[in-house]
């Protein structure tokens, strides 16, 4: 967007806004080349934002409702018994 915007701004100031927004200017060879040169950076940006969007979706999507109280499997607590030491 940056190089194309600078070219369009220069064209609109030097020639005119209407001509800078025309199809003839937007479809010339330099603009097409700059658009293709942006493609790798745009691809990296899109691929970088997909995990962020997925994690955001996980944060705002409703959680699964619990079906009820379940007893834990196995022992959670063990009883510790202290024994008295004999004095020698």
PDB file of N, CA and C in Angstrom:
ATOM      1  N   UNK A   1       0.820  -1.187   0.000  1.00  0.00           N
ATOM      2  CA  UNK A   1       0.000   0.000   0.000  1.00  0.00           C
ATOM      3  C   UNK A   1       0.868   1.257   0.000  1.00  0.00           C
ATOM      4  N   UNK A   2       1.978   1.232   0.700  1.00  0.00           N
ATOM      5  CA  UNK A   2       2.774   2.448   0.846  1.00  0.00           C
ATOM      6  C   UNK A   2       3.328   2.957  -0.484  1.00  0.00           C
ATOM      7  N   UNK A   3       4.042   2.141  -1.292  1.00  0.00           N
ATOM      8  CA  UNK A   3       4.573   2.704  -2.536  1.00  0.00           C
ATOM      9  C   UNK A   3       3.482   3.120  -3.516  1.00  0.00           C
ATOM     10  N   UNK A   4       2.412   2.350  -3.583  1.00  0.00           N
ATOM     11  CA  UNK A   4       1.324   2.715  -4.491  1.00  0.00           C
ATOM     12  C   UNK A   4       0.628   3.995  -4.048  1.00  0.00           C
ATOM     13  N   UNK A   5       0.486   4.160  -2.756  1.00  0.00           N
ATOM     14  CA  UNK A   5      -0.141   5.378  -2.246  1.00  0.00           C
ATOM     15  C   UNK A   5       0.704   6.612  -2.512  1.00  0.00           C
ATOM     16  N   UNK A   6       2.023   6.475  -2.401  1.00  0.00           N
ATOM     17  CA  UNK A   6       2.907   7.603  -2.680  1.00  0.00           C
ATOM     18  C   UNK A   6       2.830   7.972  -4.158  1.00  0.00           C
ATOM     19  N   UNK A   7       2.847   6.967  -5.026  1.00  0.00           N
ATOM     20  CA  UNK A   7       2.732   7.243  -6.464  1.00  0.00           C
ATOM     21  C   UNK A   7       1.395   7.900  -6.798  1.00  0.00           C
ATOM     22  N   UNK A   8       0.333   7.420  -6.201  1.00  0.00           N
ATOM     23  CA  UNK A   8      -0.985   7.993  -6.470  1.00  0.00           C
ATOM     24  C   UNK A   8      -1.091   9.413  -5.919  1.00  0.00           C
ATOM     25  N   UNK A   9      -0.510   9.660  -4.759  1.00  0.00           N
ATOM     26  CA  UNK A   9      -0.524  11.016  -4.215  1.00  0.00           C
ATOM     27  C   UNK A   9       0.256  11.969  -5.109  1.00  0.00           C
ATOM     28  N   UNK A  10       1.425  11.540  -5.562  1.00  0.00           N
ATOM     29  CA  UNK A  10       2.231  12.382  -6.455  1.00  0.00           C
ATOM     30  C   UNK A  10       1.470  12.659  -7.749  1.00  0.00           C
ATOM     31  N   UNK A  11       0.831  11.634  -8.290  1.00  0.00           N
ATOM     32  CA  UNK A  11       0.075  11.796  -9.527  1.00  0.00           C
ATOM     33  C   UNK A  11      -1.130  12.726  -9.331  1.00  0.00           C
ATOM     34  N   UNK A  12      -1.798  12.598  -8.183  1.00  0.00           N
ATOM     35  CA  UNK A  12      -2.967  13.448  -7.951  1.00  0.00           C
ATOM     36  C   UNK A  12      -2.576  14.903  -7.724  1.00  0.00           C
ATOM     37  N   UNK A  13      -1.406  15.154  -7.123  1.00  0.00           N
ATOM     38  CA  UNK A  13      -0.970  16.526  -6.902  1.00  0.00           C
ATOM     39  C   UNK A  13      -0.463  17.143  -8.201  1.00  0.00           C
ATOM     40  N   UNK A  14       0.276  16.363  -8.967  1.00  0.00           N
ATOM     41  CA  UNK A  14       0.863  16.932 -10.182  1.00  0.00           C
ATOM     42  C   UNK A  14      -0.125  17.013 -11.337  1.00  0.00           C
ATOM     43  N   UNK A  15      -1.002  16.042 -11.502  1.00  0.00           N
ATOM     44  CA  UNK A  15      -1.910  16.039 -12.652  1.00  0.00           C
ATOM     45  C   UNK A  15      -3.347  16.299 -12.227  1.00  0.00           C
ATOM     46  N   UNK A  16      -3.835  15.563 -11.248  1.00  0.00           N
ATOM     47  CA  UNK A  16      -5.210  15.767 -10.802  1.00  0.00           C
ATOM     48  C   UNK A  16      -5.746  14.530 -10.113  1.00  0.00           C
ATOM     49  N   UNK A  17      -6.653  14.756  -9.175  1.00  0.00           N
ATOM     50  CA  UNK A  17      -7.219  13.667  -8.387  1.00  0.00           C
ATOM     51  C   UNK A  17      -8.030  12.712  -9.259  1.00  0.00           C
ATOM     52  N   UNK A  18      -8.800  13.253 -10.187  1.00  0.00           N
ATOM     53  CA  UNK A  18      -9.645  12.424 -11.042  1.00  0.00           C
ATOM     54  C   UNK A  18      -8.789  11.476 -11.878  1.00  0.00           C
ATOM     55  N   UNK A  19      -7.688  11.982 -12.405  1.00  0.00           N
ATOM     56  CA  UNK A  19      -6.812  11.142 -13.222  1.00  0.00           C
ATOM     57  C   UNK A  19      -6.090  10.092 -12.375  1.00  0.00           C
ATOM     58  N   UNK A  20      -5.766  10.434 -11.126  1.00  0.00           N
ATOM     59  CA  UNK A  20      -5.087   9.472 -10.252  1.00  0.00           C
ATOM     60  C   UNK A  20      -6.025   8.345  -9.821  1.00  0.00           C
ATOM     61  N   UNK A  21      -7.330   8.552  -9.879  1.00  0.00           N
ATOM     62  CA  UNK A  21      -8.301   7.509  -9.526  1.00  0.00           C
ATOM     63  C   UNK A  21      -8.829   6.773 -10.750  1.00  0.00           C
ATOM     64  N   UNK A  22      -8.345   7.105 -11.937  1.00  0.00           N
ATOM     65  CA  UNK A  22      -8.841   6.481 -13.160  1.00  0.00           C
ATOM     66  C   UNK A  22      -8.293   5.065 -13.317  1.00  0.00           C
ATOM     67  N   UNK A  23      -9.001   4.270 -14.107  1.00  0.00           N
ATOM     68  CA  UNK A  23      -8.578   2.891 -14.357  1.00  0.00           C
ATOM     69  C   UNK A  23      -7.262   2.850 -15.123  1.00  0.00           C
ATOM     70  N   UNK A  24      -7.047   3.826 -15.965  1.00  0.00           N
ATOM     71  CA  UNK A  24      -5.814   3.879 -16.754  1.00  0.00           C
ATOM     72  C   UNK A  24      -4.591   3.991 -15.843  1.00  0.00           C
ATOM     73  N   UNK A  25      -4.678   4.835 -14.824  1.00  0.00           N
ATOM     74  CA  UNK A  25      -3.546   4.981 -13.909  1.00  0.00           C
ATOM     75  C   UNK A  25      -3.400   3.763 -12.997  1.00  0.00           C
ATOM     76  N   UNK A  26      -4.511   3.249 -12.489  1.00  0.00           N
ATOM     77  CA  UNK A  26      -4.458   2.134 -11.552  1.00  0.00           C
ATOM     78  C   UNK A  26      -4.013   0.824 -12.198  1.00  0.00           C
ATOM     79  N   UNK A  27      -4.149   0.704 -13.514  1.00  0.00           N
ATOM     80  CA  UNK A  27      -3.791  -0.546 -14.179  1.00  0.00           C
ATOM     81  C   UNK A  27      -2.508  -0.435 -14.999  1.00  0.00           C
ATOM     82  N   UNK A  28      -1.677   0.570 -14.751  1.00  0.00           N
ATOM     83  CA  UNK A  28      -0.435   0.659 -15.530  1.00  0.00           C
ATOM     84  C   UNK A  28       0.588  -0.353 -15.033  1.00  0.00           C
ATOM     85  N   UNK A  29       1.685  -0.514 -15.758  1.00  0.00           N
ATOM     86  CA  UNK A  29       2.663  -1.566 -15.481  1.00  0.00           C
ATOM     87  C   UNK A  29       3.362  -1.394 -14.132  1.00  0.00           C
ATOM     88  N   UNK A  30       3.677  -0.179 -13.744  1.00  0.00           N
ATOM     89  CA  UNK A  30       4.388   0.049 -12.474  1.00  0.00           C
ATOM     90  C   UNK A  30       3.509  -0.349 -11.294  1.00  0.00           C
ATOM     91  N   UNK A  31       2.255   0.019 -11.322  1.00  0.00           N
ATOM     92  CA  UNK A  31       1.348  -0.355 -10.240  1.00  0.00           C
ATOM     93  C   UNK A  31       1.157  -1.867 -10.167  1.00  0.00           C
ATOM     94  N   UNK A  32       1.045  -2.514 -11.316  1.00  0.00           N
ATOM     95  CA  UNK A  32       0.889  -3.973 -11.322  1.00  0.00           C
ATOM     96  C   UNK A  32       2.139  -4.644 -10.760  1.00  0.00           C
ATOM     97  N   UNK A  33       3.313  -4.150 -11.114  1.00  0.00           N
ATOM     98  CA  UNK A  33       4.554  -4.716 -10.589  1.00  0.00           C
ATOM     99  C   UNK A  33       4.646  -4.531  -9.077  1.00  0.00           C
ATOM    100  N   UNK A  34       4.302  -3.356  -8.580  1.00  0.00           N
ATOM    101  CA  UNK A  34       4.358  -3.107  -7.139  1.00  0.00           C
ATOM    102  C   UNK A  34       3.353  -3.970  -6.378  1.00  0.00           C
ATOM    103  N   UNK A  35       2.203  -4.227  -6.983  1.00  0.00           N
ATOM    104  CA  UNK A  35       1.230  -5.109  -6.340  1.00  0.00           C
ATOM    105  C   UNK A  35       1.766  -6.529  -6.232  1.00  0.00           C
ATOM    106  N   UNK A  36       2.429  -7.034  -7.254  1.00  0.00           N
ATOM    107  CA  UNK A  36       2.995  -8.378  -7.203  1.00  0.00           C
ATOM    108  C   UNK A  36       4.180  -8.450  -6.251  1.00  0.00           C
ATOM    109  N   UNK A  37       4.925  -7.370  -6.114  1.00  0.00           N
ATOM    110  CA  UNK A  37       6.042  -7.373  -5.178  1.00  0.00           C
ATOM    111  C   UNK A  37       5.564  -7.391  -3.724  1.00  0.00           C
ATOM    112  N   UNK A  38       4.348  -6.928  -3.493  1.00  0.00           N
ATOM    113  CA  UNK A  38       3.772  -6.953  -2.141  1.00  0.00           C
ATOM    114  C   UNK A  38       3.260  -8.320  -1.737  1.00  0.00           C
ATOM    115  N   UNK A  39       3.067  -9.203  -2.681  1.00  0.00           N
ATOM    116  CA  UNK A  39       2.427 -10.494  -2.416  1.00  0.00           C
ATOM    117  C   UNK A  39       3.121 -11.318  -1.331  1.00  0.00           C
ATOM    118  N   UNK A  40       4.457 -11.489  -1.327  1.00  0.00           N
ATOM    119  CA  UNK A  40       5.070 -12.298  -0.258  1.00  0.00           C
ATOM    120  C   UNK A  40       4.849 -11.714   1.140  1.00  0.00           C
ATOM    121  N   UNK A  41       4.969 -10.414   1.270  1.00  0.00           N
ATOM    122  CA  UNK A  41       4.760  -9.793   2.583  1.00  0.00           C
ATOM    123  C   UNK A  41       3.300  -9.920   3.021  1.00  0.00           C
ATOM    124  N   UNK A  42       2.367  -9.768   2.094  1.00  0.00           N
ATOM    125  CA  UNK A  42       0.947  -9.940   2.435  1.00  0.00           C
ATOM    126  C   UNK A  42       0.649 -11.368   2.875  1.00  0.00           C
ATOM    127  N   UNK A  43       1.270 -12.335   2.214  1.00  0.00           N
ATOM    128  CA  UNK A  43       1.068 -13.739   2.572  1.00  0.00           C
ATOM    129  C   UNK A  43       1.585 -14.015   3.977  1.00  0.00           C
ATOM    130  N   UNK A  44       2.759 -13.509   4.295  1.00  0.00           N
ATOM    131  CA  UNK A  44       3.299 -13.691   5.639  1.00  0.00           C
ATOM    132  C   UNK A  44       2.424 -13.029   6.691  1.00  0.00           C
ATOM    133  N   UNK A  45       1.888 -11.868   6.378  1.00  0.00           N
ATOM    134  CA  UNK A  45       1.012 -11.173   7.317  1.00  0.00           C
ATOM    135  C   UNK A  45      -0.261 -11.983   7.569  1.00  0.00           C
ATOM    136  N   UNK A  46      -0.849 -12.509   6.505  1.00  0.00           N
ATOM    137  CA  UNK A  46      -2.079 -13.287   6.651  1.00  0.00           C
ATOM    138  C   UNK A  46      -1.816 -14.561   7.442  1.00  0.00           C
ATOM    139  N   UNK A  47      -0.724 -15.247   7.131  1.00  0.00           N
ATOM    140  CA  UNK A  47      -0.410 -16.471   7.851  1.00  0.00           C
ATOM    141  C   UNK A  47      -0.054 -16.199   9.306  1.00  0.00           C
ATOM    142  N   UNK A  48       0.463 -15.021   9.599  1.00  0.00           N
ATOM    143  CA  UNK A  48       0.789 -14.668  10.974  1.00  0.00           C
ATOM    144  C   UNK A  48      -0.427 -14.293  11.788  1.00  0.00           C
ATOM    145  N   UNK A  49      -1.461 -13.786  11.140  1.00  0.00           N
ATOM    146  CA  UNK A  49      -2.651 -13.383  11.885  1.00  0.00           C
ATOM    147  C   UNK A  49      -3.638 -14.526  12.085  1.00  0.00           C
ATOM    148  N   UNK A  50      -3.534 -15.586  11.309  1.00  0.00           N
ATOM    149  CA  UNK A  50      -4.472 -16.697  11.463  1.00  0.00           C
ATOM    150  C   UNK A  50      -4.393 -17.345  12.847  1.00  0.00           C
ATOM    151  N   UNK A  51      -3.197 -17.628  13.399  1.00  0.00           N
ATOM    152  CA  UNK A  51      -3.169 -18.188  14.762  1.00  0.00           C
ATOM    153  C   UNK A  51      -3.741 -17.232  15.801  1.00  0.00           C
ATOM    154  N   UNK A  52      -3.518 -15.947  15.625  1.00  0.00           N
ATOM    155  CA  UNK A  52      -4.062 -14.962  16.570  1.00  0.00           C
ATOM    156  C   UNK A  52      -5.583 -14.963  16.508  1.00  0.00           C
ATOM    157  N   UNK A  53      -6.137 -15.018  15.315  1.00  0.00           N
ATOM    158  CA  UNK A  53      -7.591 -15.073  15.190  1.00  0.00           C
ATOM    159  C   UNK A  53      -8.163 -16.352  15.782  1.00  0.00           C
ATOM    160  N   UNK A  54      -7.467 -17.472  15.584  1.00  0.00           N
ATOM    161  CA  UNK A  54      -7.933 -18.739  16.152  1.00  0.00           C
ATOM    162  C   UNK A  54      -7.913 -18.694  17.675  1.00  0.00           C
ATOM    163  N   UNK A  55      -6.843 -18.181  18.250  1.00  0.00           N
ATOM    164  CA  UNK A  55      -6.772 -18.089  19.705  1.00  0.00           C
ATOM    165  C   UNK A  55      -7.811 -17.107  20.255  1.00  0.00           C
ATOM    166  N   UNK A  56      -8.079 -16.040  19.523  1.00  0.00           N
ATOM    167  CA  UNK A  56      -9.122 -15.098  19.942  1.00  0.00           C
ATOM    168  C   UNK A  56     -10.488 -15.779  19.916  1.00  0.00           C
ATOM    169  N   UNK A  57     -10.731 -16.587  18.887  1.00  0.00           N
ATOM    170  CA  UNK A  57     -11.999 -17.307  18.802  1.00  0.00           C
ATOM    171  C   UNK A  57     -12.150 -18.272  19.965  1.00  0.00           C
ATOM    172  N   UNK A  58     -11.075 -18.948  20.320  1.00  0.00           N
ATOM    173  CA  UNK A  58     -11.151 -19.853  21.462  1.00  0.00           C
ATOM    174  C   UNK A  58     -11.449 -19.099  22.752  1.00  0.00           C
ATOM    175  N   UNK A  59     -10.975 -17.872  22.861  1.00  0.00           N
ATOM    176  CA  UNK A  59     -11.209 -17.094  24.066  1.00  0.00           C
ATOM    177  C   UNK A  59     -12.630 -16.589  24.198  1.00  0.00           C
ATOM    178  N   UNK A  60     -13.288 -16.288  23.085  1.00  0.00           N
ATOM    179  CA  UNK A  60     -14.633 -15.727  23.168  1.00  0.00           C
ATOM    180  C   UNK A  60     -15.731 -16.744  22.896  1.00  0.00           C
ATOM    181  N   UNK A  61     -15.377 -17.915  22.383  1.00  0.00           N
ATOM    182  CA  UNK A  61     -16.412 -18.922  22.125  1.00  0.00           C
ATOM    183  C   UNK A  61     -16.894 -19.498  23.451  1.00  0.00           C
ATOM    184  N   UNK A  62     -18.155 -19.854  23.511  1.00  0.00           N
ATOM    185  CA  UNK A  62     -18.680 -20.382  24.779  1.00  0.00           C
ATOM    186  C   UNK A  62     -18.038 -21.716  25.124  1.00  0.00           C
ATOM    187  N   UNK A  63     -17.828 -21.902  26.415  1.00  0.00           N
ATOM    188  CA  UNK A  63     -17.235 -23.147  26.887  1.00  0.00           C
ATOM    189  C   UNK A  63     -18.292 -24.235  26.920  1.00  0.00           C
ATOM    190  N   UNK A  64     -17.853 -25.490  26.901  1.00  0.00           N
ATOM    191  CA  UNK A  64     -18.786 -26.606  26.969  1.00  0.00           C
ATOM    192  C   UNK A  64     -19.419 -26.659  28.355  1.00  0.00           C
ATOM    193  N   UNK A  65     -20.736 -26.813  28.416  1.00  0.00           N
ATOM    194  CA  UNK A  65     -21.370 -26.893  29.738  1.00  0.00           C
ATOM    195  C   UNK A  65     -21.031 -28.217  30.414  1.00  0.00           C
ATOM    196  N   UNK A  66     -20.907 -28.178  31.730  1.00  0.00           N
ATOM    197  CA  UNK A  66     -20.631 -29.385  32.492  1.00  0.00           C
ATOM    198  C   UNK A  66     -21.901 -30.203  32.620  1.00  0.00           C
ATOM    199  N   UNK A  67     -21.740 -31.491  32.576  1.00  0.00           N
ATOM    200  CA  UNK A  67     -22.908 -32.363  32.662  1.00  0.00           C
ATOM    201  C   UNK A  67     -23.300 -32.661  34.091  1.00  0.00           C
ATOM    202  N   UNK A  68     -22.415 -32.473  35.008  1.00  0.00           N
ATOM    203  CA  UNK A  68     -22.724 -32.759  36.399  1.00  0.00           C
ATOM    204  C   UNK A  68     -21.437 -32.928  37.181  1.00  0.00           C
ATOM    205  N   UNK A  69     -21.600 -33.175  38.472  1.00  0.00           N
ATOM    206  CA  UNK A  69     -20.429 -33.332  39.328  1.00  0.00           C
ATOM    207  C   UNK A  69     -19.913 -34.755  39.198  1.00  0.00           C
ATOM    208  N   UNK A  70     -18.661 -34.880  38.906  1.00  0.00           N
ATOM    209  CA  UNK A  70     -18.072 -36.204  38.776  1.00  0.00           C
ATOM    210  C   UNK A  70     -17.083 -36.421  39.909  1.00  0.00           C
ATOM    211  N   UNK A  71     -17.118 -37.607  40.455  1.00  0.00           N
ATOM    212  CA  UNK A  71     -16.161 -37.957  41.502  1.00  0.00           C
ATOM    213  C   UNK A  71     -14.806 -38.220  40.868  1.00  0.00           C
ATOM    214  N   UNK A  72     -13.762 -37.747  41.509  1.00  0.00           N
ATOM    215  CA  UNK A  72     -12.433 -37.993  40.946  1.00  0.00           C
ATOM    216  C   UNK A  72     -12.043 -39.459  41.068  1.00  0.00           C
ATOM    217  N   UNK A  73     -11.249 -39.894  40.134  1.00  0.00           N
ATOM    218  CA  UNK A  73     -10.765 -41.272  40.166  1.00  0.00           C
ATOM    219  C   UNK A  73      -9.501 -41.339  41.002  1.00  0.00           C
ATOM    220  N   UNK A  74      -9.371 -42.350  41.799  1.00  0.00           N
ATOM    221  CA  UNK A  74      -8.189 -42.506  42.618  1.00  0.00           C
ATOM    222  C   UNK A  74      -8.273 -41.656  43.871  1.00  0.00           C
ATOM    223  N   UNK A  75      -7.233 -41.695  44.648  1.00  0.00           N
ATOM    224  CA  UNK A  75      -7.212 -40.938  45.891  1.00  0.00           C
ATOM    225  C   UNK A  75      -6.625 -39.563  45.656  1.00  0.00           C
ATOM    226  N   UNK A  76      -7.288 -38.582  46.200  1.00  0.00           N
ATOM    227  CA  UNK A  76      -6.764 -37.223  46.128  1.00  0.00           C
ATOM    228  C   UNK A  76      -5.903 -36.907  47.337  1.00  0.00           C
ATOM    229  N   UNK A  77      -6.339 -37.393  48.475  1.00  0.00           N
ATOM    230  CA  UNK A  77      -5.632 -37.067  49.713  1.00  0.00           C
ATOM    231  C   UNK A  77      -5.190 -38.355  50.403  1.00  0.00           C
ATOM    232  N   UNK A  78      -4.063 -38.283  51.020  1.00  0.00           N
ATOM    233  CA  UNK A  78      -3.603 -39.414  51.840  1.00  0.00           C
ATOM    234  C   UNK A  78      -3.408 -38.902  53.250  1.00  0.00           C
ATOM    235  N   UNK A  79      -3.686 -39.757  54.175  1.00  0.00           N
ATOM    236  CA  UNK A  79      -3.578 -39.362  55.568  1.00  0.00           C
ATOM    237  C   UNK A  79      -2.140 -39.570  56.045  1.00  0.00           C
ATOM    238  N   UNK A  80      -1.585 -38.560  56.671  1.00  0.00           N
ATOM    239  CA  UNK A  80      -0.221 -38.652  57.180  1.00  0.00           C
ATOM    240  C   UNK A  80      -0.315 -38.896  58.671  1.00  0.00           C
ATOM    241  N   UNK A  81       0.295 -39.963  59.132  1.00  0.00           N
ATOM    242  CA  UNK A  81       0.275 -40.321  60.543  1.00  0.00           C
ATOM    243  C   UNK A  81       1.702 -40.134  61.075  1.00  0.00           C
ATOM    244  N   UNK A  82       1.810 -39.337  62.120  1.00  0.00           N
ATOM    245  CA  UNK A  82       3.116 -39.140  62.742  1.00  0.00           C
ATOM    246  C   UNK A  82       3.276 -40.138  63.875  1.00  0.00           C
ATOM    247  N   UNK A  83       4.424 -40.701  63.963  1.00  0.00           N
ATOM    248  CA  UNK A  83       4.723 -41.617  65.058  1.00  0.00           C
ATOM    249  C   UNK A  83       5.657 -40.931  66.026  1.00  0.00           C
ATOM    250  N   UNK A  84       5.501 -41.245  67.311  1.00  0.00           N
ATOM    251  CA  UNK A  84       6.361 -40.640  68.316  1.00  0.00           C
ATOM    252  C   UNK A  84       7.695 -41.365  68.343  1.00  0.00           C
ATOM    253  N   UNK A  85       8.747 -40.594  68.428  1.00  0.00           N
ATOM    254  CA  UNK A  85      10.079 -41.174  68.514  1.00  0.00           C
ATOM    255  C   UNK A  85      10.386 -41.514  69.967  1.00  0.00           C
ATOM    256  N   UNK A  86      11.029 -42.591  70.134  1.00  0.00           N
ATOM    257  CA  UNK A  86      11.441 -42.990  71.482  1.00  0.00           C
ATOM    258  C   UNK A  86      12.734 -42.271  71.833  1.00  0.00           C
ATOM    259  N   UNK A  87      12.790 -41.744  73.065  1.00  0.00           N
ATOM    260  CA  UNK A  87      14.005 -41.070  73.489  1.00  0.00           C
ATOM    261  C   UNK A  87      15.013 -42.114  73.960  1.00  0.00           C
ATOM    262  N   UNK A  88      16.214 -41.984  73.557  1.00  0.00           N
ATOM    263  CA  UNK A  88      17.231 -42.955  73.929  1.00  0.00           C
ATOM    264  C   UNK A  88      17.988 -42.588  75.159  1.00  0.00           C
TER     265      UNK A  88
END
